[in-house]
Amino acid sequence: MAAHCQVTGAQPGFGHSISHSHRRTKRRFDPNIQKKRYWVPSLRRTVVLNVSARGIKVIDVKGIDAVVADIRARGEKI
């Protein structure tokens, strides 16, 4: 599963792990991506979205219909 949120657009960040002796090694900060199924009344079917934890909260506030409309307006296939 790709570490990319379909709602918020969150994707991995990059940085360094710093040891006790302050040696730096590259690391990757992945967002908390979950695969969730939602019933979309306007489409009369379920959709499966890869969403971050923050994306789930956005869906709770705006509603699934508005979020799906935004995703389709960007040209992403659902």
N, C-alpha and C. Protein backbone atom coordinates (compact mmCIF):
# COMPACT_ATOMS: atom_id res chain seq x y z
N MET A 1 0.85 -1.17 0.00
CA MET A 1 0.00 0.00 0.00
C MET A 1 0.90 1.23 0.00
N ALA A 2 0.63 2.17 -0.88
CA ALA A 2 1.42 3.38 -0.95
C ALA A 2 1.12 4.28 0.25
N ALA A 3 2.13 4.93 0.76
CA ALA A 3 1.96 5.80 1.92
C ALA A 3 1.50 7.18 1.45
N HIS A 4 0.26 7.25 0.94
CA HIS A 4 -0.29 8.49 0.41
C HIS A 4 -1.77 8.54 0.76
N CYS A 5 -2.20 9.64 1.38
CA CYS A 5 -3.60 9.80 1.77
C CYS A 5 -4.38 10.39 0.60
N GLN A 6 -5.51 9.79 0.25
CA GLN A 6 -6.32 10.27 -0.86
C GLN A 6 -7.13 11.50 -0.48
N VAL A 7 -7.30 11.78 0.80
CA VAL A 7 -8.11 12.91 1.24
C VAL A 7 -7.24 14.14 1.47
N THR A 8 -6.21 14.01 2.30
CA THR A 8 -5.39 15.16 2.68
C THR A 8 -4.14 15.30 1.82
N GLY A 9 -3.76 14.25 1.10
CA GLY A 9 -2.54 14.30 0.30
C GLY A 9 -1.28 14.07 1.10
N ALA A 10 -1.41 13.63 2.35
CA ALA A 10 -0.23 13.40 3.19
C ALA A 10 0.63 12.31 2.57
N GLN A 11 1.94 12.53 2.57
CA GLN A 11 2.88 11.56 2.03
C GLN A 11 4.10 11.52 2.92
N PRO A 12 5.01 10.58 2.70
CA PRO A 12 6.13 10.45 3.61
C PRO A 12 7.01 11.70 3.67
N GLY A 13 7.51 11.95 4.88
CA GLY A 13 8.50 13.00 5.07
C GLY A 13 9.85 12.32 5.29
N PHE A 14 10.92 13.02 5.04
CA PHE A 14 12.25 12.43 5.17
C PHE A 14 13.07 13.26 6.13
N GLY A 15 13.97 12.58 6.83
CA GLY A 15 14.82 13.27 7.80
C GLY A 15 15.93 12.35 8.24
N HIS A 16 16.39 12.59 9.46
CA HIS A 16 17.50 11.81 10.01
C HIS A 16 17.10 11.17 11.33
N SER A 17 17.61 9.95 11.54
CA SER A 17 17.62 9.36 12.87
C SER A 17 18.92 9.81 13.51
N ILE A 18 18.85 10.32 14.72
CA ILE A 18 20.06 10.81 15.38
C ILE A 18 20.34 9.91 16.58
N SER A 19 21.49 9.27 16.58
CA SER A 19 21.87 8.37 17.66
C SER A 19 22.34 9.17 18.87
N HIS A 20 22.65 8.45 19.93
CA HIS A 20 23.14 9.08 21.15
C HIS A 20 24.43 9.84 20.89
N SER A 21 25.27 9.32 19.99
CA SER A 21 26.53 9.99 19.66
C SER A 21 26.36 11.04 18.56
N HIS A 22 25.10 11.31 18.16
CA HIS A 22 24.72 12.30 17.15
C HIS A 22 25.18 11.95 15.74
N ARG A 23 25.33 10.66 15.45
CA ARG A 23 25.50 10.24 14.06
C ARG A 23 24.14 10.27 13.41
N ARG A 24 24.08 10.72 12.18
CA ARG A 24 22.80 10.85 11.49
C ARG A 24 22.69 9.82 10.37
N THR A 25 21.54 9.13 10.33
CA THR A 25 21.24 8.22 9.23
C THR A 25 19.88 8.61 8.67
N LYS A 26 19.72 8.45 7.37
CA LYS A 26 18.47 8.84 6.73
C LYS A 26 17.33 7.93 7.19
N ARG A 27 16.15 8.51 7.36
CA ARG A 27 14.96 7.74 7.68
C ARG A 27 13.75 8.36 7.03
N ARG A 28 12.65 7.67 7.12
CA ARG A 28 11.42 8.08 6.46
C ARG A 28 10.29 8.11 7.48
N PHE A 29 9.53 9.20 7.52
CA PHE A 29 8.39 9.35 8.42
C PHE A 29 7.13 9.09 7.61
N ASP A 30 6.54 7.92 7.76
CA ASP A 30 5.33 7.57 7.01
C ASP A 30 4.08 8.08 7.74
N PRO A 31 3.08 8.56 7.00
CA PRO A 31 1.81 8.92 7.63
C PRO A 31 1.06 7.66 8.05
N ASN A 32 0.12 7.82 8.96
CA ASN A 32 -0.67 6.70 9.48
C ASN A 32 -1.79 6.40 8.49
N ILE A 33 -1.50 5.56 7.49
CA ILE A 33 -2.44 5.26 6.41
C ILE A 33 -3.27 4.02 6.76
N GLN A 34 -4.59 4.16 6.59
CA GLN A 34 -5.53 3.07 6.83
C GLN A 34 -6.36 2.87 5.57
N LYS A 35 -6.71 1.62 5.29
CA LYS A 35 -7.63 1.32 4.18
C LYS A 35 -9.03 1.23 4.77
N LYS A 36 -9.92 2.15 4.36
CA LYS A 36 -11.27 2.22 4.93
C LYS A 36 -12.32 2.11 3.84
N ARG A 37 -13.41 1.42 4.16
CA ARG A 37 -14.56 1.32 3.26
C ARG A 37 -15.64 2.28 3.74
N TYR A 38 -16.19 3.04 2.81
CA TYR A 38 -17.27 3.98 3.13
C TYR A 38 -18.43 3.76 2.17
N TRP A 39 -19.64 3.85 2.70
CA TRP A 39 -20.83 3.83 1.87
C TRP A 39 -21.09 5.26 1.41
N VAL A 40 -21.19 5.44 0.08
CA VAL A 40 -21.43 6.77 -0.49
C VAL A 40 -22.86 6.78 -1.04
N PRO A 41 -23.77 7.48 -0.38
CA PRO A 41 -25.18 7.45 -0.81
C PRO A 41 -25.39 8.00 -2.22
N SER A 42 -24.63 9.02 -2.61
CA SER A 42 -24.84 9.61 -3.94
C SER A 42 -24.43 8.65 -5.05
N LEU A 43 -23.45 7.79 -4.80
CA LEU A 43 -23.03 6.80 -5.80
C LEU A 43 -23.77 5.47 -5.64
N ARG A 44 -24.44 5.31 -4.51
CA ARG A 44 -25.13 4.06 -4.14
C ARG A 44 -24.21 2.85 -4.17
N ARG A 45 -22.99 3.03 -3.64
CA ARG A 45 -22.03 1.92 -3.55
C ARG A 45 -20.98 2.26 -2.49
N THR A 46 -20.19 1.28 -2.15
CA THR A 46 -19.09 1.52 -1.22
C THR A 46 -17.84 1.87 -2.00
N VAL A 47 -17.00 2.68 -1.39
CA VAL A 47 -15.70 3.01 -1.96
C VAL A 47 -14.64 2.67 -0.92
N VAL A 48 -13.48 2.25 -1.39
CA VAL A 48 -12.36 1.94 -0.52
C VAL A 48 -11.33 3.05 -0.70
N LEU A 49 -10.99 3.71 0.40
CA LEU A 49 -10.05 4.82 0.36
C LEU A 49 -8.84 4.52 1.23
N ASN A 50 -7.66 4.95 0.78
CA ASN A 50 -6.47 4.94 1.60
C ASN A 50 -6.39 6.31 2.26
N VAL A 51 -6.70 6.36 3.56
CA VAL A 51 -6.77 7.64 4.25
C VAL A 51 -5.87 7.63 5.48
N SER A 52 -5.37 8.80 5.83
CA SER A 52 -4.60 8.96 7.06
C SER A 52 -5.58 9.14 8.22
N ALA A 53 -5.06 9.12 9.43
CA ALA A 53 -5.91 9.32 10.60
C ALA A 53 -6.55 10.71 10.55
N ARG A 54 -5.82 11.70 10.07
CA ARG A 54 -6.39 13.04 9.93
C ARG A 54 -7.44 13.05 8.82
N GLY A 55 -7.24 12.28 7.76
CA GLY A 55 -8.22 12.19 6.68
C GLY A 55 -9.54 11.62 7.16
N ILE A 56 -9.49 10.66 8.08
CA ILE A 56 -10.71 10.09 8.65
C ILE A 56 -11.49 11.17 9.40
N LYS A 57 -10.76 12.02 10.13
CA LYS A 57 -11.41 13.12 10.85
C LYS A 57 -12.02 14.14 9.89
N VAL A 58 -11.35 14.39 8.77
CA VAL A 58 -11.89 15.31 7.76
C VAL A 58 -13.19 14.77 7.20
N ILE A 59 -13.23 13.45 6.95
CA ILE A 59 -14.46 12.82 6.44
C ILE A 59 -15.58 12.94 7.46
N ASP A 60 -15.26 12.79 8.75
CA ASP A 60 -16.28 12.92 9.79
C ASP A 60 -16.87 14.34 9.82
N VAL A 61 -16.04 15.35 9.57
CA VAL A 61 -16.50 16.74 9.64
C VAL A 61 -17.25 17.14 8.37
N LYS A 62 -16.64 16.92 7.19
CA LYS A 62 -17.22 17.38 5.93
C LYS A 62 -18.28 16.45 5.36
N GLY A 63 -18.19 15.17 5.66
CA GLY A 63 -19.10 14.18 5.10
C GLY A 63 -18.47 13.48 3.90
N ILE A 64 -18.83 12.24 3.71
CA ILE A 64 -18.19 11.42 2.67
C ILE A 64 -18.56 11.92 1.28
N ASP A 65 -19.79 12.43 1.09
CA ASP A 65 -20.18 12.92 -0.24
C ASP A 65 -19.31 14.09 -0.68
N ALA A 66 -19.07 15.04 0.21
CA ALA A 66 -18.25 16.21 -0.13
C ALA A 66 -16.81 15.81 -0.40
N VAL A 67 -16.29 14.87 0.38
CA VAL A 67 -14.90 14.44 0.20
C VAL A 67 -14.74 13.69 -1.12
N VAL A 68 -15.69 12.82 -1.45
CA VAL A 68 -15.63 12.09 -2.72
C VAL A 68 -15.74 13.05 -3.89
N ALA A 69 -16.56 14.09 -3.76
CA ALA A 69 -16.68 15.10 -4.83
C ALA A 69 -15.34 15.82 -5.03
N ASP A 70 -14.64 16.14 -3.92
CA ASP A 70 -13.34 16.79 -4.02
C ASP A 70 -12.32 15.88 -4.71
N ILE A 71 -12.33 14.59 -4.36
CA ILE A 71 -11.38 13.65 -4.94
C ILE A 71 -11.64 13.49 -6.44
N ARG A 72 -12.91 13.40 -6.82
CA ARG A 72 -13.25 13.26 -8.24
C ARG A 72 -12.95 14.54 -9.02
N ALA A 73 -13.08 15.70 -8.37
CA ALA A 73 -12.77 16.97 -9.04
C ALA A 73 -11.28 17.06 -9.35
N ARG A 74 -10.43 16.44 -8.52
CA ARG A 74 -8.99 16.41 -8.78
C ARG A 74 -8.64 15.46 -9.91
N GLY A 75 -9.59 14.60 -10.29
CA GLY A 75 -9.35 13.67 -11.39
C GLY A 75 -8.90 12.30 -10.95
N GLU A 76 -8.92 12.03 -9.65
CA GLU A 76 -8.55 10.70 -9.17
C GLU A 76 -9.71 9.74 -9.37
N LYS A 77 -9.38 8.51 -9.73
CA LYS A 77 -10.40 7.50 -9.90
C LYS A 77 -10.66 6.83 -8.54
N ILE A 78 -11.93 6.60 -8.25
CA ILE A 78 -12.30 5.96 -6.97
C ILE A 78 -12.85 4.58 -7.26
